[in-house]
Amino acid sequence: MRIDTVRLQELTGDGMGNGDTIMISTVLGRKYATLLRSGVYYNIINCIDRDVDWFQLSKGDNIFAYMAEEGFSNLEFSIRHQTLYEGV
């Protein structure tokens, strides 16, 4: 996934900053991308690259990596998931 920081700056008035949190949901039918900055939530789904492959977990090992053009030492990355079971 790629976040267009130019679009993000146009939307919020500033680029990524210290303390910003981006939350992305890849749940089928409930996908979203939100920026939390100074207690204000921004819908940034339009800042995600249009040709994105949304993350999906598979059985077994899943390996993800992340990178940034700058400020790499200030990044934290985590994935949370809920195991869902189908029933009758």
PDB file of N, CA and C in Angstrom:
ATOM      1  N   MET A   1       0.849  -1.171   0.000  1.00  0.00           N
ATOM      2  CA  MET A   1       0.000   0.000   0.000  1.00  0.00           C
ATOM      3  C   MET A   1       0.891   1.228   0.000  1.00  0.00           C
ATOM      4  N   ARG A   2       0.433   2.257  -0.652  1.00  0.00           N
ATOM      5  CA  ARG A   2       1.201   3.500  -0.719  1.00  0.00           C
ATOM      6  C   ARG A   2       0.277   4.658  -0.364  1.00  0.00           C
ATOM      7  N   ILE A   3       0.745   5.535   0.509  1.00  0.00           N
ATOM      8  CA  ILE A   3      -0.003   6.726   0.883  1.00  0.00           C
ATOM      9  C   ILE A   3       0.601   7.915   0.154  1.00  0.00           C
ATOM     10  N   ASP A   4      -0.221   8.629  -0.579  1.00  0.00           N
ATOM     11  CA  ASP A   4       0.200   9.813  -1.323  1.00  0.00           C
ATOM     12  C   ASP A   4       0.284  10.983  -0.342  1.00  0.00           C
ATOM     13  N   THR A   5       1.496  11.342   0.055  1.00  0.00           N
ATOM     14  CA  THR A   5       1.674  12.387   1.066  1.00  0.00           C
ATOM     15  C   THR A   5       1.339  13.776   0.548  1.00  0.00           C
ATOM     16  N   VAL A   6       1.417  13.987  -0.768  1.00  0.00           N
ATOM     17  CA  VAL A   6       1.011  15.277  -1.339  1.00  0.00           C
ATOM     18  C   VAL A   6      -0.500  15.449  -1.171  1.00  0.00           C
ATOM     19  N   ARG A   7      -1.252  14.407  -1.499  1.00  0.00           N
ATOM     20  CA  ARG A   7      -2.701  14.435  -1.307  1.00  0.00           C
ATOM     21  C   ARG A   7      -3.058  14.588   0.171  1.00  0.00           C
ATOM     22  N   LEU A   8      -2.319  13.894   1.028  1.00  0.00           N
ATOM     23  CA  LEU A   8      -2.551  13.988   2.467  1.00  0.00           C
ATOM     24  C   LEU A   8      -2.364  15.428   2.946  1.00  0.00           C
ATOM     25  N   GLN A   9      -1.336  16.085   2.465  1.00  0.00           N
ATOM     26  CA  GLN A   9      -1.079  17.472   2.844  1.00  0.00           C
ATOM     27  C   GLN A   9      -2.193  18.390   2.329  1.00  0.00           C
ATOM     28  N   GLU A  10      -2.670  18.150   1.114  1.00  0.00           N
ATOM     29  CA  GLU A  10      -3.770  18.946   0.578  1.00  0.00           C
ATOM     30  C   GLU A  10      -5.037  18.775   1.418  1.00  0.00           C
ATOM     31  N   LEU A  11      -5.286  17.563   1.893  1.00  0.00           N
ATOM     32  CA  LEU A  11      -6.485  17.259   2.668  1.00  0.00           C
ATOM     33  C   LEU A  11      -6.429  17.829   4.081  1.00  0.00           C
ATOM     34  N   THR A  12      -5.266  17.698   4.732  1.00  0.00           N
ATOM     35  CA  THR A  12      -5.167  18.055   6.147  1.00  0.00           C
ATOM     36  C   THR A  12      -4.452  19.370   6.413  1.00  0.00           C
ATOM     37  N   GLY A  13      -3.788  19.906   5.392  1.00  0.00           N
ATOM     38  CA  GLY A  13      -3.054  21.151   5.575  1.00  0.00           C
ATOM     39  C   GLY A  13      -1.619  20.955   6.010  1.00  0.00           C
ATOM     40  N   ASP A  14      -1.204  19.701   6.227  1.00  0.00           N
ATOM     41  CA  ASP A  14       0.165  19.413   6.650  1.00  0.00           C
ATOM     42  C   ASP A  14       0.508  17.980   6.278  1.00  0.00           C
ATOM     43  N   GLY A  15       1.805  17.716   6.107  1.00  0.00           N
ATOM     44  CA  GLY A  15       2.257  16.352   5.834  1.00  0.00           C
ATOM     45  C   GLY A  15       2.239  15.530   7.110  1.00  0.00           C
ATOM     46  N   MET A  16       2.767  14.337   7.047  1.00  0.00           N
ATOM     47  CA  MET A  16       2.840  13.483   8.241  1.00  0.00           C
ATOM     48  C   MET A  16       3.682  14.167   9.299  1.00  0.00           C
ATOM     49  N   GLY A  17       3.238  14.047  10.535  1.00  0.00           N
ATOM     50  CA  GLY A  17       3.961  14.678  11.620  1.00  0.00           C
ATOM     51  C   GLY A  17       4.102  13.765  12.820  1.00  0.00           C
ATOM     52  N   ASN A  18       4.900  14.190  13.765  1.00  0.00           N
ATOM     53  CA  ASN A  18       5.128  13.434  14.983  1.00  0.00           C
ATOM     54  C   ASN A  18       3.806  13.238  15.719  1.00  0.00           C
ATOM     55  N   GLY A  19       3.498  12.017  16.088  1.00  0.00           N
ATOM     56  CA  GLY A  19       2.276  11.714  16.817  1.00  0.00           C
ATOM     57  C   GLY A  19       1.085  11.347  15.935  1.00  0.00           C
ATOM     58  N   ASP A  20       1.211  11.482  14.615  1.00  0.00           N
ATOM     59  CA  ASP A  20       0.125  11.091  13.720  1.00  0.00           C
ATOM     60  C   ASP A  20      -0.031   9.573  13.733  1.00  0.00           C
ATOM     61  N   THR A  21      -1.275   9.117  13.657  1.00  0.00           N
ATOM     62  CA  THR A  21      -1.565   7.691  13.610  1.00  0.00           C
ATOM     63  C   THR A  21      -2.448   7.414  12.405  1.00  0.00           C
ATOM     64  N   ILE A  22      -2.029   6.461  11.578  1.00  0.00           N
ATOM     65  CA  ILE A  22      -2.843   6.034  10.447  1.00  0.00           C
ATOM     66  C   ILE A  22      -3.380   4.642  10.760  1.00  0.00           C
ATOM     67  N   MET A  23      -4.697   4.489  10.622  1.00  0.00           N
ATOM     68  CA  MET A  23      -5.364   3.209  10.855  1.00  0.00           C
ATOM     69  C   MET A  23      -5.995   2.768   9.539  1.00  0.00           C
ATOM     70  N   ILE A  24      -5.703   1.535   9.146  1.00  0.00           N
ATOM     71  CA  ILE A  24      -6.225   0.998   7.899  1.00  0.00           C
ATOM     72  C   ILE A  24      -6.924  -0.319   8.204  1.00  0.00           C
ATOM     73  N   SER A  25      -8.164  -0.429   7.741  1.00  0.00           N
ATOM     74  CA  SER A  25      -8.911  -1.680   7.885  1.00  0.00           C
ATOM     75  C   SER A  25      -9.041  -2.321   6.518  1.00  0.00           C
ATOM     76  N   THR A  26      -8.756  -3.622   6.450  1.00  0.00           N
ATOM     77  CA  THR A  26      -8.875  -4.357   5.198  1.00  0.00           C
ATOM     78  C   THR A  26     -10.020  -5.360   5.251  1.00  0.00           C
ATOM     79  N   VAL A  27     -10.912  -5.216   6.232  1.00  0.00           N
ATOM     80  CA  VAL A  27     -12.039  -6.129   6.378  1.00  0.00           C
ATOM     81  C   VAL A  27     -12.981  -5.948   5.191  1.00  0.00           C
ATOM     82  N   LEU A  28     -13.291  -7.039   4.523  1.00  0.00           N
ATOM     83  CA  LEU A  28     -14.146  -7.005   3.353  1.00  0.00           C
ATOM     84  C   LEU A  28     -15.466  -6.314   3.685  1.00  0.00           C
ATOM     85  N   GLY A  29     -15.813  -5.299   2.911  1.00  0.00           N
ATOM     86  CA  GLY A  29     -17.046  -4.547   3.120  1.00  0.00           C
ATOM     87  C   GLY A  29     -16.919  -3.427   4.139  1.00  0.00           C
ATOM     88  N   ARG A  30     -15.789  -3.351   4.859  1.00  0.00           N
ATOM     89  CA  ARG A  30     -15.579  -2.310   5.874  1.00  0.00           C
ATOM     90  C   ARG A  30     -14.166  -1.726   5.768  1.00  0.00           C
ATOM     91  N   LYS A  31     -13.684  -1.544   4.560  1.00  0.00           N
ATOM     92  CA  LYS A  31     -12.332  -1.010   4.368  1.00  0.00           C
ATOM     93  C   LYS A  31     -12.329   0.488   4.636  1.00  0.00           C
ATOM     94  N   TYR A  32     -11.273   0.946   5.296  1.00  0.00           N
ATOM     95  CA  TYR A  32     -11.120   2.385   5.528  1.00  0.00           C
ATOM     96  C   TYR A  32      -9.664   2.722   5.758  1.00  0.00           C
ATOM     97  N   ALA A  33      -9.358   4.005   5.635  1.00  0.00           N
ATOM     98  CA  ALA A  33      -8.046   4.548   5.983  1.00  0.00           C
ATOM     99  C   ALA A  33      -8.315   5.868   6.700  1.00  0.00           C
ATOM    100  N   THR A  34      -7.827   5.975   7.925  1.00  0.00           N
ATOM    101  CA  THR A  34      -8.095   7.136   8.774  1.00  0.00           C
ATOM    102  C   THR A  34      -6.796   7.645   9.373  1.00  0.00           C
ATOM    103  N   LEU A  35      -6.673   8.953   9.410  1.00  0.00           N
ATOM    104  CA  LEU A  35      -5.545   9.610  10.076  1.00  0.00           C
ATOM    105  C   LEU A  35      -6.067  10.239  11.353  1.00  0.00           C
ATOM    106  N   LEU A  36      -5.392   9.979  12.470  1.00  0.00           N
ATOM    107  CA  LEU A  36      -5.700  10.631  13.747  1.00  0.00           C
ATOM    108  C   LEU A  36      -4.580  11.609  14.039  1.00  0.00           C
ATOM    109  N   ARG A  37      -4.936  12.894  14.111  1.00  0.00           N
ATOM    110  CA  ARG A  37      -3.946  13.940  14.365  1.00  0.00           C
ATOM    111  C   ARG A  37      -4.511  14.916  15.386  1.00  0.00           C
ATOM    112  N   SER A  38      -3.851  15.034  16.516  1.00  0.00           N
ATOM    113  CA  SER A  38      -4.249  15.992  17.563  1.00  0.00           C
ATOM    114  C   SER A  38      -5.724  15.855  17.927  1.00  0.00           C
ATOM    115  N   GLY A  39      -6.195  14.615  18.031  1.00  0.00           N
ATOM    116  CA  GLY A  39      -7.573  14.359  18.441  1.00  0.00           C
ATOM    117  C   GLY A  39      -8.602  14.489  17.333  1.00  0.00           C
ATOM    118  N   VAL A  40      -8.183  14.780  16.115  1.00  0.00           N
ATOM    119  CA  VAL A  40      -9.093  14.934  14.980  1.00  0.00           C
ATOM    120  C   VAL A  40      -8.871  13.775  14.009  1.00  0.00           C
ATOM    121  N   TYR A  41      -9.973  13.143  13.587  1.00  0.00           N
ATOM    122  CA  TYR A  41      -9.911  12.050  12.627  1.00  0.00           C
ATOM    123  C   TYR A  41     -10.162  12.579  11.213  1.00  0.00           C
ATOM    124  N   TYR A  42      -9.335  12.121  10.262  1.00  0.00           N
ATOM    125  CA  TYR A  42      -9.482  12.477   8.854  1.00  0.00           C
ATOM    126  C   TYR A  42      -9.664  11.207   8.051  1.00  0.00           C
ATOM    127  N   ASN A  43     -10.627  11.209   7.133  1.00  0.00           N
ATOM    128  CA  ASN A  43     -10.803  10.103   6.213  1.00  0.00           C
ATOM    129  C   ASN A  43      -9.771  10.276   5.096  1.00  0.00           C
ATOM    130  N   ILE A  44      -8.787   9.391   5.032  1.00  0.00           N
ATOM    131  CA  ILE A  44      -7.717   9.521   4.039  1.00  0.00           C
ATOM    132  C   ILE A  44      -7.742   8.398   3.003  1.00  0.00           C
ATOM    133  N   ILE A  45      -8.897   7.785   2.822  1.00  0.00           N
ATOM    134  CA  ILE A  45      -8.988   6.688   1.853  1.00  0.00           C
ATOM    135  C   ILE A  45      -8.575   7.151   0.460  1.00  0.00           C
ATOM    136  N   ASN A  46      -8.834   8.416   0.126  1.00  0.00           N
ATOM    137  CA  ASN A  46      -8.452   8.931  -1.186  1.00  0.00           C
ATOM    138  C   ASN A  46      -6.959   9.224  -1.289  1.00  0.00           C
ATOM    139  N   CYS A  47      -6.236   9.093  -0.197  1.00  0.00           N
ATOM    140  CA  CYS A  47      -4.779   9.262  -0.219  1.00  0.00           C
ATOM    141  C   CYS A  47      -4.061   7.938  -0.463  1.00  0.00           C
ATOM    142  N   ILE A  48      -4.811   6.840  -0.463  1.00  0.00           N
ATOM    143  CA  ILE A  48      -4.237   5.526  -0.743  1.00  0.00           C
ATOM    144  C   ILE A  48      -4.152   5.359  -2.258  1.00  0.00           C
ATOM    145  N   ASP A  49      -3.038   4.839  -2.728  1.00  0.00           N
ATOM    146  CA  ASP A  49      -2.835   4.593  -4.158  1.00  0.00           C
ATOM    147  C   ASP A  49      -4.007   3.786  -4.727  1.00  0.00           C
ATOM    148  N   ARG A  50      -4.534   4.208  -5.852  1.00  0.00           N
ATOM    149  CA  ARG A  50      -5.710   3.557  -6.457  1.00  0.00           C
ATOM    150  C   ARG A  50      -5.447   2.124  -6.884  1.00  0.00           C
ATOM    151  N   ASP A  51      -4.211   1.790  -7.200  1.00  0.00           N
ATOM    152  CA  ASP A  51      -3.870   0.437  -7.648  1.00  0.00           C
ATOM    153  C   ASP A  51      -3.415  -0.447  -6.496  1.00  0.00           C
ATOM    154  N   VAL A  52      -3.895  -0.152  -5.305  1.00  0.00           N
ATOM    155  CA  VAL A  52      -3.445  -0.826  -4.095  1.00  0.00           C
ATOM    156  C   VAL A  52      -3.922  -2.281  -4.047  1.00  0.00           C
ATOM    157  N   ASP A  53      -3.077  -3.112  -3.488  1.00  0.00           N
ATOM    158  CA  ASP A  53      -3.471  -4.468  -3.101  1.00  0.00           C
ATOM    159  C   ASP A  53      -3.676  -4.429  -1.592  1.00  0.00           C
ATOM    160  N   TRP A  54      -4.908  -4.521  -1.150  1.00  0.00           N
ATOM    161  CA  TRP A  54      -5.195  -4.456   0.287  1.00  0.00           C
ATOM    162  C   TRP A  54      -4.617  -5.693   0.972  1.00  0.00           C
ATOM    163  N   PHE A  55      -4.033  -5.498   2.148  1.00  0.00           N
ATOM    164  CA  PHE A  55      -3.456  -6.606   2.919  1.00  0.00           C
ATOM    165  C   PHE A  55      -4.524  -7.653   3.203  1.00  0.00           C
ATOM    166  N   GLN A  56      -4.148  -8.902   3.074  1.00  0.00           N
ATOM    167  CA  GLN A  56      -4.999 -10.015   3.470  1.00  0.00           C
ATOM    168  C   GLN A  56      -4.103 -11.062   4.111  1.00  0.00           C
ATOM    169  N   LEU A  57      -4.503 -11.581   5.246  1.00  0.00           N
ATOM    170  CA  LEU A  57      -3.738 -12.624   5.915  1.00  0.00           C
ATOM    171  C   LEU A  57      -4.133 -13.982   5.363  1.00  0.00           C
ATOM    172  N   SER A  58      -3.159 -14.851   5.275  1.00  0.00           N
ATOM    173  CA  SER A  58      -3.390 -16.222   4.831  1.00  0.00           C
ATOM    174  C   SER A  58      -2.989 -17.162   5.955  1.00  0.00           C
ATOM    175  N   LYS A  59      -3.442 -18.405   5.889  1.00  0.00           N
ATOM    176  CA  LYS A  59      -3.001 -19.390   6.873  1.00  0.00           C
ATOM    177  C   LYS A  59      -1.496 -19.532   6.781  1.00  0.00           C
ATOM    178  N   GLY A  60      -0.856 -19.725   7.910  1.00  0.00           N
ATOM    179  CA  GLY A  60       0.596 -19.881   7.922  1.00  0.00           C
ATOM    180  C   GLY A  60       1.289 -18.555   8.168  1.00  0.00           C
ATOM    181  N   ASP A  61       2.559 -18.492   7.805  1.00  0.00           N
ATOM    182  CA  ASP A  61       3.357 -17.286   8.021  1.00  0.00           C
ATOM    183  C   ASP A  61       2.961 -16.191   7.034  1.00  0.00           C
ATOM    184  N   ASN A  62       2.834 -14.984   7.543  1.00  0.00           N
ATOM    185  CA  ASN A  62       2.581 -13.805   6.722  1.00  0.00           C
ATOM    186  C   ASN A  62       3.700 -12.820   7.006  1.00  0.00           C
ATOM    187  N   ILE A  63       4.351 -12.344   5.976  1.00  0.00           N
ATOM    188  CA  ILE A  63       5.483 -11.439   6.156  1.00  0.00           C
ATOM    189  C   ILE A  63       5.139 -10.106   5.511  1.00  0.00           C
ATOM    190  N   PHE A  64       5.211  -9.037   6.296  1.00  0.00           N
ATOM    191  CA  PHE A  64       4.958  -7.689   5.820  1.00  0.00           C
ATOM    192  C   PHE A  64       6.168  -6.825   6.135  1.00  0.00           C
ATOM    193  N   ALA A  65       6.420  -5.850   5.302  1.00  0.00           N
ATOM    194  CA  ALA A  65       7.500  -4.895   5.527  1.00  0.00           C
ATOM    195  C   ALA A  65       6.944  -3.503   5.276  1.00  0.00           C
ATOM    196  N   TYR A  66       7.641  -2.492   5.758  1.00  0.00           N
ATOM    197  CA  TYR A  66       7.228  -1.124   5.493  1.00  0.00           C
ATOM    198  C   TYR A  66       8.446  -0.265   5.256  1.00  0.00           C
ATOM    199  N   MET A  67       8.228   0.862   4.572  1.00  0.00           N
ATOM    200  CA  MET A  67       9.321   1.777   4.282  1.00  0.00           C
ATOM    201  C   MET A  67       8.762   3.186   4.181  1.00  0.00           C
ATOM    202  N   ALA A  68       9.641   4.145   4.234  1.00  0.00           N
ATOM    203  CA  ALA A  68       9.259   5.556   4.113  1.00  0.00           C
ATOM    204  C   ALA A  68      10.367   6.286   3.387  1.00  0.00           C
ATOM    205  N   GLU A  69       9.990   7.370   2.718  1.00  0.00           N
ATOM    206  CA  GLU A  69      10.985   8.173   2.012  1.00  0.00           C
ATOM    207  C   GLU A  69      11.821   8.990   2.989  1.00  0.00           C
ATOM    208  N   GLU A  70      11.228   9.323   4.150  1.00  0.00           N
ATOM    209  CA  GLU A  70      11.968  10.047   5.193  1.00  0.00           C
ATOM    210  C   GLU A  70      11.280   9.801   6.528  1.00  0.00           C
ATOM    211  N   GLY A  71      11.976  10.103   7.618  1.00  0.00           N
ATOM    212  CA  GLY A  71      11.408   9.939   8.950  1.00  0.00           C
ATOM    213  C   GLY A  71      11.235   8.495   9.375  1.00  0.00           C
ATOM    214  N   PHE A  72      11.977   7.587   8.766  1.00  0.00           N
ATOM    215  CA  PHE A  72      11.834   6.153   9.021  1.00  0.00           C
ATOM    216  C   PHE A  72      12.003   5.807  10.495  1.00  0.00           C
ATOM    217  N   SER A  73      12.889   6.490  11.189  1.00  0.00           N
ATOM    218  CA  SER A  73      13.145   6.162  12.596  1.00  0.00           C
ATOM    219  C   SER A  73      11.971   6.528  13.496  1.00  0.00           C
ATOM    220  N   ASN A  74      11.017   7.316  13.005  1.00  0.00           N
ATOM    221  CA  ASN A  74       9.861   7.711  13.803  1.00  0.00           C
ATOM    222  C   ASN A  74       8.643   6.813  13.584  1.00  0.00           C
ATOM    223  N   LEU A  75       8.770   5.798  12.747  1.00  0.00           N
ATOM    224  CA  LEU A  75       7.626   4.955  12.404  1.00  0.00           C
ATOM    225  C   LEU A  75       7.469   3.773  13.336  1.00  0.00           C
ATOM    226  N   GLU A  76       6.220   3.419  13.579  1.00  0.00           N
ATOM    227  CA  GLU A  76       5.861   2.174  14.243  1.00  0.00           C
ATOM    228  C   GLU A  76       4.843   1.493  13.352  1.00  0.00           C
ATOM    229  N   PHE A  77       4.871   0.183  13.287  1.00  0.00           N
ATOM    230  CA  PHE A  77       3.980  -0.567  12.416  1.00  0.00           C
ATOM    231  C   PHE A  77       3.447  -1.751  13.202  1.00  0.00           C
ATOM    232  N   SER A  78       2.138  -1.925  13.210  1.00  0.00           N
ATOM    233  CA  SER A  78       1.568  -3.094  13.878  1.00  0.00           C
ATOM    234  C   SER A  78       0.365  -3.581  13.094  1.00  0.00           C
ATOM    235  N   ILE A  79       0.098  -4.867  13.218  1.00  0.00           N
ATOM    236  CA  ILE A  79      -1.056  -5.487  12.573  1.00  0.00           C
ATOM    237  C   ILE A  79      -1.867  -6.156  13.669  1.00  0.00           C
ATOM    238  N   ARG A  80      -3.159  -5.885  13.654  1.00  0.00           N
ATOM    239  CA  ARG A  80      -4.074  -6.547  14.589  1.00  0.00           C
ATOM    240  C   ARG A  80      -5.082  -7.317  13.755  1.00  0.00           C
ATOM    241  N   HIS A  81      -5.435  -8.479  14.232  1.00  0.00           N
ATOM    242  CA  HIS A  81      -6.434  -9.267  13.509  1.00  0.00           C
ATOM    243  C   HIS A  81      -7.322  -9.996  14.488  1.00  0.00           C
ATOM    244  N   GLN A  82      -8.469 -10.384  13.994  1.00  0.00           N
ATOM    245  CA  GLN A  82      -9.418 -11.164  14.782  1.00  0.00           C
ATOM    246  C   GLN A  82      -9.684 -12.444  14.002  1.00  0.00           C
ATOM    247  N   THR A  83      -9.535 -13.569  14.645  1.00  0.00           N
ATOM    248  CA  THR A  83      -9.801 -14.839  13.993  1.00  0.00           C
ATOM    249  C   THR A  83     -11.314 -15.039  13.942  1.00  0.00           C
ATOM    250  N   LEU A  84     -11.837 -15.185  12.743  1.00  0.00           N
ATOM    251  CA  LEU A  84     -13.264 -15.370  12.547  1.00  0.00           C
ATOM    252  C   LEU A  84     -13.522 -16.803  12.085  1.00  0.00           C
ATOM    253  N   TYR A  85     -14.602 -17.356  12.565  1.00  0.00           N
ATOM    254  CA  TYR A  85     -14.966 -18.725  12.193  1.00  0.00           C
ATOM    255  C   TYR A  85     -16.321 -18.706  11.501  1.00  0.00           C
ATOM    256  N   GLU A  86     -16.470 -19.556  10.478  1.00  0.00           N
ATOM    257  CA  GLU A  86     -17.777 -19.717   9.845  1.00  0.00           C
ATOM    258  C   GLU A  86     -18.537 -20.775  10.608  1.00  0.00           C
ATOM    259  N   GLY A  87     -19.831 -20.580  10.704  1.00  0.00           N
ATOM    260  CA  GLY A  87     -20.675 -21.550  11.399  1.00  0.00           C
ATOM    261  C   GLY A  87     -21.918 -21.844  10.608  1.00  0.00           C
ATOM    262  N   VAL A  88     -22.684 -22.750  11.145  1.00  0.00           N
ATOM    263  CA  VAL A  88     -23.932 -23.125  10.471  1.00  0.00           C
ATOM    264  C   VAL A  88     -25.020 -22.167  10.886  1.00  0.00           C
TER     265      VAL A  88
END
